[in-house]
Amino acid sequence: NACGMSLMDYCNRTWSVELIDATAQGLPGSYTAFSKKLPDLVSPNTIVGNIALYFIEKYGLSPNCKVVAGSGDNPQAKVLVAGDLLSLGTSFVNMVSTDGETFDMEGLANGMYDGVNRPFMFGCRTNGAMVWDEVRALHNLSKEDYDPAEKALQRIAPGSSVLFWQPKNESFPSSGSFDLTRITHPEPTLESDYSGIIDSSLAAVYIHSEAFTTTSQELLYVTGGATDSPEIMGRTAAIWNRKVVPIEKGGP
């Protein structure tokens, strides 16, 4: 992934000889050539140099401006909270704080460090809120037409509709796509379809995170557009059995 931790020896925070060698198999120059392409690993808040002349001239930045290494978007987003962070975006990202010695031995999630060097596990489910959008579209609602869907959730109890849909191949866990399948409500309604897909997709994240998650009553921080929905936040709290706290979104 972009934050550079997939080839890292997680505990020693150095490049892993074994992982680099395995990745370099079949590439020109094998291990030696591939390893030369990797820069030194440093903490995200490490100063790595001064700003380039291009940015000084184009944007008027000070020549004394320092550049820090930074990291990927998810490790940097995790800096916002000391606890667990659930991102309900196009895909779902579950970032679970750990002691640095907790891993997902099933291989579904990655071990990472956030931008201030705190360890966490990272699981990303491809079929996230985009599938919610597609379910609403089946009932002639546009992507931004949330109010009718929110009212539909108010009319049906959580867990009363069971529906599964995976339009894209999934990575968490690794599995193929499959068509929409209604279990409890064969006749489609907005209430049953929307409730069913929300409950099943959130439950999938929870269930497949159990290998690296401990039962906790600590706050669960949630980010993403779904935080505007009291019904979705309530269902999230019920599945995790924790109080949920929305993180304010950036942008205008």
C-alpha atoms as a PDB file:
ATOM      1  CA  ASN A   1       0.000   0.000   0.000  1.00  0.00           C
ATOM      2  CA  ALA A   2       1.011   3.618  -0.460  1.00  0.00           C
ATOM      3  CA  CYS A   3       2.235   4.144   3.106  1.00  0.00           C
ATOM      4  CA  GLY A   4       5.083   1.705   2.482  1.00  0.00           C
ATOM      5  CA  MET A   5       4.377  -0.849   5.194  1.00  0.00           C
ATOM      6  CA  SER A   6       3.568  -3.926   3.117  1.00  0.00           C
ATOM      7  CA  LEU A   7       7.253  -4.860   2.742  1.00  0.00           C
ATOM      8  CA  MET A   8       8.223  -3.785   6.254  1.00  0.00           C
ATOM      9  CA  ASP A   9       9.336  -5.961   9.138  1.00  0.00           C
ATOM     10  CA  TYR A  10       6.563  -4.679  11.376  1.00  0.00           C
ATOM     11  CA  CYS A  11       8.240  -5.201  14.741  1.00  0.00           C
ATOM     12  CA  ASN A  12      11.699  -3.933  13.753  1.00  0.00           C
ATOM     13  CA  ARG A  13      10.411  -1.194  11.412  1.00  0.00           C
ATOM     14  CA  THR A  14      12.966  -2.069   8.735  1.00  0.00           C
ATOM     15  CA  TRP A  15      12.570  -3.483   5.240  1.00  0.00           C
ATOM     16  CA  SER A  16      11.951  -7.213   5.401  1.00  0.00           C
ATOM     17  CA  VAL A  17      14.562  -9.195   3.476  1.00  0.00           C
ATOM     18  CA  GLU A  18      12.159 -12.123   3.171  1.00  0.00           C
ATOM     19  CA  LEU A  19       9.255 -10.058   1.827  1.00  0.00           C
ATOM     20  CA  ILE A  20      11.417  -8.127  -0.623  1.00  0.00           C
ATOM     21  CA  ASP A  21      12.993 -11.332  -1.887  1.00  0.00           C
ATOM     22  CA  ALA A  22       9.581 -12.956  -2.374  1.00  0.00           C
ATOM     23  CA  THR A  23       8.228  -9.899  -4.201  1.00  0.00           C
ATOM     24  CA  ALA A  24      11.298  -9.595  -6.426  1.00  0.00           C
ATOM     25  CA  GLN A  25      11.066 -13.134  -7.771  1.00  0.00           C
ATOM     26  CA  GLY A  26      10.889 -12.983 -11.575  1.00  0.00           C
ATOM     27  CA  LEU A  27      11.762  -9.273 -11.760  1.00  0.00           C
ATOM     28  CA  PRO A  28      14.892  -8.067 -13.600  1.00  0.00           C
ATOM     29  CA  GLY A  29      17.808  -8.059 -11.179  1.00  0.00           C
ATOM     30  CA  SER A  30      15.763  -9.872  -8.530  1.00  0.00           C
ATOM     31  CA  TYR A  31      16.350  -8.856  -4.908  1.00  0.00           C
ATOM     32  CA  THR A  32      19.358  -6.600  -5.469  1.00  0.00           C
ATOM     33  CA  ALA A  33      17.760  -4.420  -8.143  1.00  0.00           C
ATOM     34  CA  PHE A  34      14.394  -4.256  -6.408  1.00  0.00           C
ATOM     35  CA  SER A  35      15.782  -3.361  -2.982  1.00  0.00           C
ATOM     36  CA  LYS A  36      17.767  -0.453  -4.464  1.00  0.00           C
ATOM     37  CA  LYS A  37      14.481   1.184  -5.462  1.00  0.00           C
ATOM     38  CA  LEU A  38      13.313   1.398  -1.855  1.00  0.00           C
ATOM     39  CA  PRO A  39      14.230   4.518   0.156  1.00  0.00           C
ATOM     40  CA  ASP A  40      15.124   4.354   3.819  1.00  0.00           C
ATOM     41  CA  LEU A  41      12.208   3.755   6.165  1.00  0.00           C
ATOM     42  CA  VAL A  42      11.639   6.648   8.563  1.00  0.00           C
ATOM     43  CA  SER A  43       8.936   7.793  10.947  1.00  0.00           C
ATOM     44  CA  PRO A  44       6.178   9.858   9.242  1.00  0.00           C
ATOM     45  CA  ASN A  45       7.136  12.965  11.245  1.00  0.00           C
ATOM     46  CA  THR A  46      10.815  12.820  10.214  1.00  0.00           C
ATOM     47  CA  ILE A  47      12.194  15.893   8.434  1.00  0.00           C
ATOM     48  CA  VAL A  48      13.632  14.644   5.143  1.00  0.00           C
ATOM     49  CA  GLY A  49      14.777  17.897   3.528  1.00  0.00           C
ATOM     50  CA  ASN A  50      13.866  21.389   2.372  1.00  0.00           C
ATOM     51  CA  ILE A  51      11.133  22.449  -0.021  1.00  0.00           C
ATOM     52  CA  ALA A  52      12.037  22.297  -3.732  1.00  0.00           C
ATOM     53  CA  LEU A  53      12.737  25.492  -5.674  1.00  0.00           C
ATOM     54  CA  TYR A  54       9.680  24.834  -7.877  1.00  0.00           C
ATOM     55  CA  PHE A  55       7.295  25.264  -4.943  1.00  0.00           C
ATOM     56  CA  ILE A  56       9.173  28.304  -3.656  1.00  0.00           C
ATOM     57  CA  GLU A  57       8.837  30.088  -6.991  1.00  0.00           C
ATOM     58  CA  LYS A  58       5.308  28.947  -7.858  1.00  0.00           C
ATOM     59  CA  TYR A  59       3.633  29.265  -4.449  1.00  0.00           C
ATOM     60  CA  GLY A  60       5.869  31.689  -2.568  1.00  0.00           C
ATOM     61  CA  LEU A  61       6.857  29.238   0.138  1.00  0.00           C
ATOM     62  CA  SER A  62       9.803  30.101   2.345  1.00  0.00           C
ATOM     63  CA  PRO A  63      13.169  28.609   1.321  1.00  0.00           C
ATOM     64  CA  ASN A  64      13.437  27.510   4.954  1.00  0.00           C
ATOM     65  CA  CYS A  65      10.292  25.371   4.672  1.00  0.00           C
ATOM     66  CA  LYS A  66      10.969  21.811   5.817  1.00  0.00           C
ATOM     67  CA  VAL A  67       9.474  18.659   4.276  1.00  0.00           C
ATOM     68  CA  VAL A  68       8.403  15.739   6.452  1.00  0.00           C
ATOM     69  CA  ALA A  69       8.102  12.157   5.245  1.00  0.00           C
ATOM     70  CA  GLY A  70       4.382  11.783   5.890  1.00  0.00           C
ATOM     71  CA  SER A  71       2.555   8.527   5.253  1.00  0.00           C
ATOM     72  CA  GLY A  72      -0.496   7.090   3.506  1.00  0.00           C
ATOM     73  CA  ASP A  73      -3.927   8.673   3.842  1.00  0.00           C
ATOM     74  CA  ASN A  74      -5.251   6.055   6.244  1.00  0.00           C
ATOM     75  CA  PRO A  75      -2.357   6.104   8.741  1.00  0.00           C
ATOM     76  CA  GLN A  76      -2.523   9.895   8.715  1.00  0.00           C
ATOM     77  CA  ALA A  77      -6.301   9.869   9.236  1.00  0.00           C
ATOM     78  CA  LYS A  78      -5.813   7.550  12.211  1.00  0.00           C
ATOM     79  CA  VAL A  79      -3.827  10.310  13.950  1.00  0.00           C
ATOM     80  CA  LEU A  80      -7.159  11.968  14.757  1.00  0.00           C
ATOM     81  CA  VAL A  81      -8.045   9.386  17.404  1.00  0.00           C
ATOM     82  CA  ALA A  82      -6.181   7.305  19.964  1.00  0.00           C
ATOM     83  CA  GLY A  83      -8.778   4.518  19.793  1.00  0.00           C
ATOM     84  CA  ASP A  84     -10.475   2.604  16.982  1.00  0.00           C
ATOM     85  CA  LEU A  85     -11.592   4.391  13.813  1.00  0.00           C
ATOM     86  CA  LEU A  86     -14.175   3.077  11.348  1.00  0.00           C
ATOM     87  CA  SER A  87     -14.363   4.828   7.986  1.00  0.00           C
ATOM     88  CA  LEU A  88     -17.648   4.349   6.114  1.00  0.00           C
ATOM     89  CA  GLY A  89     -16.711   5.564   2.657  1.00  0.00           C
ATOM     90  CA  THR A  90     -16.917   4.082  -0.828  1.00  0.00           C
ATOM     91  CA  SER A  91     -15.040   1.212   0.765  1.00  0.00           C
ATOM     92  CA  PHE A  92     -15.100   0.498   4.496  1.00  0.00           C
ATOM     93  CA  VAL A  93     -11.868   0.826   6.466  1.00  0.00           C
ATOM     94  CA  ASN A  94     -11.564  -0.512  10.006  1.00  0.00           C
ATOM     95  CA  MET A  95      -8.543   0.810  11.894  1.00  0.00           C
ATOM     96  CA  VAL A  96      -8.138  -0.974  15.223  1.00  0.00           C
ATOM     97  CA  SER A  97      -5.617   0.236  17.804  1.00  0.00           C
ATOM     98  CA  THR A  98      -3.368  -2.548  19.098  1.00  0.00           C
ATOM     99  CA  ASP A  99      -0.447  -3.181  21.426  1.00  0.00           C
ATOM    100  CA  GLY A 100       1.893  -3.652  18.467  1.00  0.00           C
ATOM    101  CA  GLU A 101       1.967  -7.407  19.007  1.00  0.00           C
ATOM    102  CA  THR A 102      -1.538  -8.210  17.764  1.00  0.00           C
ATOM    103  CA  PHE A 103      -1.814  -9.435  14.189  1.00  0.00           C
ATOM    104  CA  ASP A 104      -4.347 -10.951  11.827  1.00  0.00           C
ATOM    105  CA  MET A 105      -2.907 -14.394  11.225  1.00  0.00           C
ATOM    106  CA  GLU A 106      -5.655 -15.013   8.655  1.00  0.00           C
ATOM    107  CA  GLY A 107      -3.914 -12.440   6.472  1.00  0.00           C
ATOM    108  CA  LEU A 108      -6.957 -10.246   5.851  1.00  0.00           C
ATOM    109  CA  ALA A 109      -5.668  -7.101   7.565  1.00  0.00           C
ATOM    110  CA  ASN A 110      -2.377  -5.190   7.502  1.00  0.00           C
ATOM    111  CA  GLY A 111      -0.320  -4.094  10.482  1.00  0.00           C
ATOM    112  CA  MET A 112       0.429  -0.373  10.348  1.00  0.00           C
ATOM    113  CA  TYR A 113       1.617   2.558  12.434  1.00  0.00           C
ATOM    114  CA  ASP A 114      -0.198   5.872  12.357  1.00  0.00           C
ATOM    115  CA  GLY A 115       1.446   9.241  11.749  1.00  0.00           C
ATOM    116  CA  VAL A 116       2.540   9.535  15.390  1.00  0.00           C
ATOM    117  CA  ASN A 117       3.890   5.957  15.582  1.00  0.00           C
ATOM    118  CA  ARG A 118       0.931   4.242  17.275  1.00  0.00           C
ATOM    119  CA  PRO A 119       0.337   0.641  16.108  1.00  0.00           C
ATOM    120  CA  PHE A 120      -2.975  -0.418  14.589  1.00  0.00           C
ATOM    121  CA  MET A 121      -4.489  -3.037  12.319  1.00  0.00           C
ATOM    122  CA  PHE A 122      -6.029  -2.023   9.005  1.00  0.00           C
ATOM    123  CA  GLY A 123      -8.808  -3.930   7.250  1.00  0.00           C
ATOM    124  CA  CYS A 124     -10.438  -2.602   4.072  1.00  0.00           C
ATOM    125  CA  ARG A 125     -13.701  -3.936   2.634  1.00  0.00           C
ATOM    126  CA  THR A 126     -14.120  -3.070  -1.048  1.00  0.00           C
ATOM    127  CA  ASN A 127     -17.919  -3.341  -1.153  1.00  0.00           C
ATOM    128  CA  GLY A 128     -18.740  -0.415   1.095  1.00  0.00           C
ATOM    129  CA  ALA A 129     -21.109   2.520   0.840  1.00  0.00           C
ATOM    130  CA  MET A 130     -21.036   2.326  -2.953  1.00  0.00           C
ATOM    131  CA  VAL A 131     -23.244  -0.757  -2.622  1.00  0.00           C
ATOM    132  CA  TRP A 132     -25.636   1.229  -0.434  1.00  0.00           C
ATOM    133  CA  ASP A 133     -25.846   3.770  -3.268  1.00  0.00           C
ATOM    134  CA  GLU A 134     -26.644   0.990  -5.741  1.00  0.00           C
ATOM    135  CA  VAL A 135     -29.416  -0.370  -3.530  1.00  0.00           C
ATOM    136  CA  ARG A 136     -31.008   3.071  -3.298  1.00  0.00           C
ATOM    137  CA  ALA A 137     -30.707   3.362  -7.088  1.00  0.00           C
ATOM    138  CA  LEU A 138     -32.731   0.150  -7.446  1.00  0.00           C
ATOM    139  CA  HIS A 139     -35.559   2.095  -5.828  1.00  0.00           C
ATOM    140  CA  ASN A 140     -35.126   5.138  -8.094  1.00  0.00           C
ATOM    141  CA  LEU A 141     -33.225   7.255  -5.582  1.00  0.00           C
ATOM    142  CA  SER A 142     -30.233   9.307  -6.694  1.00  0.00           C
ATOM    143  CA  LYS A 143     -26.862   9.055  -4.999  1.00  0.00           C
ATOM    144  CA  GLU A 144     -27.532  12.163  -2.917  1.00  0.00           C
ATOM    145  CA  ASP A 145     -31.197  11.396  -2.173  1.00  0.00           C
ATOM    146  CA  TYR A 146     -30.759  10.243   1.413  1.00  0.00           C
ATOM    147  CA  ASP A 147     -33.931  11.444   3.139  1.00  0.00           C
ATOM    148  CA  PRO A 148     -36.339   8.757   1.815  1.00  0.00           C
ATOM    149  CA  ALA A 149     -33.795   6.065   2.647  1.00  0.00           C
ATOM    150  CA  GLU A 150     -33.302   7.420   6.159  1.00  0.00           C
ATOM    151  CA  LYS A 151     -37.049   7.389   6.741  1.00  0.00           C
ATOM    152  CA  ALA A 152     -37.203   3.840   5.395  1.00  0.00           C
ATOM    153  CA  LEU A 153     -34.661   2.741   8.011  1.00  0.00           C
ATOM    154  CA  GLN A 154     -36.850   4.267  10.707  1.00  0.00           C
ATOM    155  CA  ARG A 155     -39.701   1.982   9.666  1.00  0.00           C
ATOM    156  CA  ILE A 156     -37.818  -1.327   9.993  1.00  0.00           C
ATOM    157  CA  ALA A 157     -36.020  -2.823  12.976  1.00  0.00           C
ATOM    158  CA  PRO A 158     -32.283  -3.510  12.695  1.00  0.00           C
ATOM    159  CA  GLY A 159     -31.549  -7.136  11.881  1.00  0.00           C
ATOM    160  CA  SER A 160     -35.052  -7.926  10.640  1.00  0.00           C
ATOM    161  CA  SER A 161     -34.054  -8.054   6.965  1.00  0.00           C
ATOM    162  CA  VAL A 162     -31.266 -10.317   5.709  1.00  0.00           C
ATOM    163  CA  LEU A 163     -29.823  -9.436   2.315  1.00  0.00           C
ATOM    164  CA  PHE A 164     -26.408  -9.974   0.742  1.00  0.00           C
ATOM    165  CA  TRP A 165     -24.841  -8.317  -2.298  1.00  0.00           C
ATOM    166  CA  GLN A 166     -21.228  -8.190  -3.403  1.00  0.00           C
ATOM    167  CA  PRO A 167     -21.087  -6.563  -6.861  1.00  0.00           C
ATOM    168  CA  LYS A 168     -17.279  -6.377  -6.832  1.00  0.00           C
ATOM    169  CA  ASN A 169     -14.609  -8.906  -5.943  1.00  0.00           C
ATOM    170  CA  GLU A 170     -13.851  -8.555  -2.252  1.00  0.00           C
ATOM    171  CA  SER A 171     -10.535  -8.368  -0.390  1.00  0.00           C
ATOM    172  CA  PHE A 172     -11.864  -8.510   3.184  1.00  0.00           C
ATOM    173  CA  PRO A 173     -12.127 -11.466   3.067  1.00  0.00           C
ATOM    174  CA  SER A 174     -10.874 -12.450  -0.372  1.00  0.00           C
ATOM    175  CA  SER A 175     -13.951 -13.627  -2.295  1.00  0.00           C
ATOM    176  CA  GLY A 176     -15.659 -13.257  -5.638  1.00  0.00           C
ATOM    177  CA  SER A 177     -18.591 -11.076  -6.565  1.00  0.00           C
ATOM    178  CA  PHE A 178     -22.171 -12.330  -6.405  1.00  0.00           C
ATOM    179  CA  ASP A 179     -25.638 -11.066  -7.234  1.00  0.00           C
ATOM    180  CA  LEU A 180     -28.097  -9.505  -4.828  1.00  0.00           C
ATOM    181  CA  THR A 181     -29.629 -12.228  -2.670  1.00  0.00           C
ATOM    182  CA  ARG A 182     -32.697 -11.609  -0.519  1.00  0.00           C
ATOM    183  CA  ILE A 183     -33.103 -14.103   2.336  1.00  0.00           C
ATOM    184  CA  THR A 184     -36.013 -12.877   4.459  1.00  0.00           C
ATOM    185  CA  HIS A 185     -37.894 -10.516   2.129  1.00  0.00           C
ATOM    186  CA  PRO A 186     -38.170 -11.936  -1.418  1.00  0.00           C
ATOM    187  CA  GLU A 187     -40.364  -9.015  -2.503  1.00  0.00           C
ATOM    188  CA  PRO A 188     -38.144  -5.934  -2.802  1.00  0.00           C
ATOM    189  CA  THR A 189     -38.985  -2.828  -0.794  1.00  0.00           C
ATOM    190  CA  LEU A 190     -36.785   0.129   0.051  1.00  0.00           C
ATOM    191  CA  GLU A 191     -37.128  -0.674   3.745  1.00  0.00           C
ATOM    192  CA  SER A 192     -36.038  -4.307   3.537  1.00  0.00           C
ATOM    193  CA  ASP A 193     -33.379  -3.858   0.845  1.00  0.00           C
ATOM    194  CA  TYR A 194     -31.682  -0.816   2.357  1.00  0.00           C
ATOM    195  CA  SER A 195     -31.830  -2.114   5.899  1.00  0.00           C
ATOM    196  CA  GLY A 196     -30.563  -5.519   4.810  1.00  0.00           C
ATOM    197  CA  ILE A 197     -27.535  -4.278   2.891  1.00  0.00           C
ATOM    198  CA  ILE A 198     -26.491  -1.884   5.653  1.00  0.00           C
ATOM    199  CA  ASP A 199     -26.745  -4.516   8.370  1.00  0.00           C
ATOM    200  CA  SER A 200     -24.985  -7.253   6.380  1.00  0.00           C
ATOM    201  CA  SER A 201     -22.110  -5.092   5.133  1.00  0.00           C
ATOM    202  CA  LEU A 202     -21.427  -3.598   8.561  1.00  0.00           C
ATOM    203  CA  ALA A 203     -21.646  -7.041  10.159  1.00  0.00           C
ATOM    204  CA  ALA A 204     -19.138  -8.376   7.620  1.00  0.00           C
ATOM    205  CA  VAL A 205     -16.581  -5.786   8.722  1.00  0.00           C
ATOM    206  CA  TYR A 206     -17.197  -6.596  12.379  1.00  0.00           C
ATOM    207  CA  ILE A 207     -17.011 -10.372  11.958  1.00  0.00           C
ATOM    208  CA  HIS A 208     -13.873 -10.381   9.828  1.00  0.00           C
ATOM    209  CA  SER A 209     -12.139  -7.994  12.253  1.00  0.00           C
ATOM    210  CA  GLU A 210     -12.618 -10.285  15.247  1.00  0.00           C
ATOM    211  CA  ALA A 211      -9.201 -11.929  14.794  1.00  0.00           C
ATOM    212  CA  PHE A 212      -7.431  -8.681  15.725  1.00  0.00           C
ATOM    213  CA  THR A 213     -10.080  -6.981  17.864  1.00  0.00           C
ATOM    214  CA  THR A 214     -10.695  -7.300  21.591  1.00  0.00           C
ATOM    215  CA  THR A 215     -14.098  -6.804  23.184  1.00  0.00           C
ATOM    216  CA  SER A 216     -14.203  -3.238  24.413  1.00  0.00           C
ATOM    217  CA  GLN A 217     -16.596  -0.639  25.746  1.00  0.00           C
ATOM    218  CA  GLU A 218     -14.338   2.187  24.617  1.00  0.00           C
ATOM    219  CA  LEU A 219     -15.645   4.720  22.131  1.00  0.00           C
ATOM    220  CA  LEU A 220     -15.751   3.752  18.458  1.00  0.00           C
ATOM    221  CA  TYR A 221     -14.943   6.733  16.263  1.00  0.00           C
ATOM    222  CA  VAL A 222     -16.660   6.816  12.879  1.00  0.00           C
ATOM    223  CA  THR A 223     -15.941   8.947   9.829  1.00  0.00           C
ATOM    224  CA  GLY A 224     -17.431   9.206   6.351  1.00  0.00           C
ATOM    225  CA  GLY A 225     -20.683  10.439   4.845  1.00  0.00           C
ATOM    226  CA  ALA A 226     -22.744   7.859   6.728  1.00  0.00           C
ATOM    227  CA  THR A 227     -22.123   9.731   9.981  1.00  0.00           C
ATOM    228  CA  ASP A 228     -24.901  12.104   8.864  1.00  0.00           C
ATOM    229  CA  SER A 229     -27.398   9.246   9.279  1.00  0.00           C
ATOM    230  CA  PRO A 230     -28.637   8.667  12.856  1.00  0.00           C
ATOM    231  CA  GLU A 231     -30.097   5.321  11.770  1.00  0.00           C
ATOM    232  CA  ILE A 232     -26.830   4.031  10.307  1.00  0.00           C
ATOM    233  CA  MET A 233     -24.883   5.257  13.319  1.00  0.00           C
ATOM    234  CA  GLY A 234     -27.363   3.485  15.588  1.00  0.00           C
ATOM    235  CA  ARG A 235     -26.975   0.222  13.682  1.00  0.00           C
ATOM    236  CA  THR A 236     -23.195   0.560  13.840  1.00  0.00           C
ATOM    237  CA  ALA A 237     -23.371   1.023  17.606  1.00  0.00           C
ATOM    238  CA  ALA A 238     -25.606  -2.043  17.931  1.00  0.00           C
ATOM    239  CA  ILE A 239     -23.313  -4.306  15.892  1.00  0.00           C
ATOM    240  CA  TRP A 240     -20.144  -3.226  17.708  1.00  0.00           C
ATOM    241  CA  ASN A 241     -21.990  -2.898  21.042  1.00  0.00           C
ATOM    242  CA  ARG A 242     -20.156   0.361  21.659  1.00  0.00           C
ATOM    243  CA  LYS A 243     -20.963   4.030  21.784  1.00  0.00           C
ATOM    244  CA  VAL A 244     -20.114   5.635  18.442  1.00  0.00           C
ATOM    245  CA  VAL A 245     -18.714   9.124  17.983  1.00  0.00           C
ATOM    246  CA  PRO A 246     -18.718  10.830  14.562  1.00  0.00           C
ATOM    247  CA  ILE A 247     -15.537  12.523  13.375  1.00  0.00           C
ATOM    248  CA  GLU A 248     -16.133  15.822  11.628  1.00  0.00           C
ATOM    249  CA  LYS A 249     -15.580  15.692   7.889  1.00  0.00           C
ATOM    250  CA  GLY A 250     -13.197  18.030   6.114  1.00  0.00           C
ATOM    251  CA  GLY A 251     -13.906  20.172   3.079  1.00  0.00           C
ATOM    252  CA  PRO A 252     -16.442  22.946   2.392  1.00  0.00           C
END
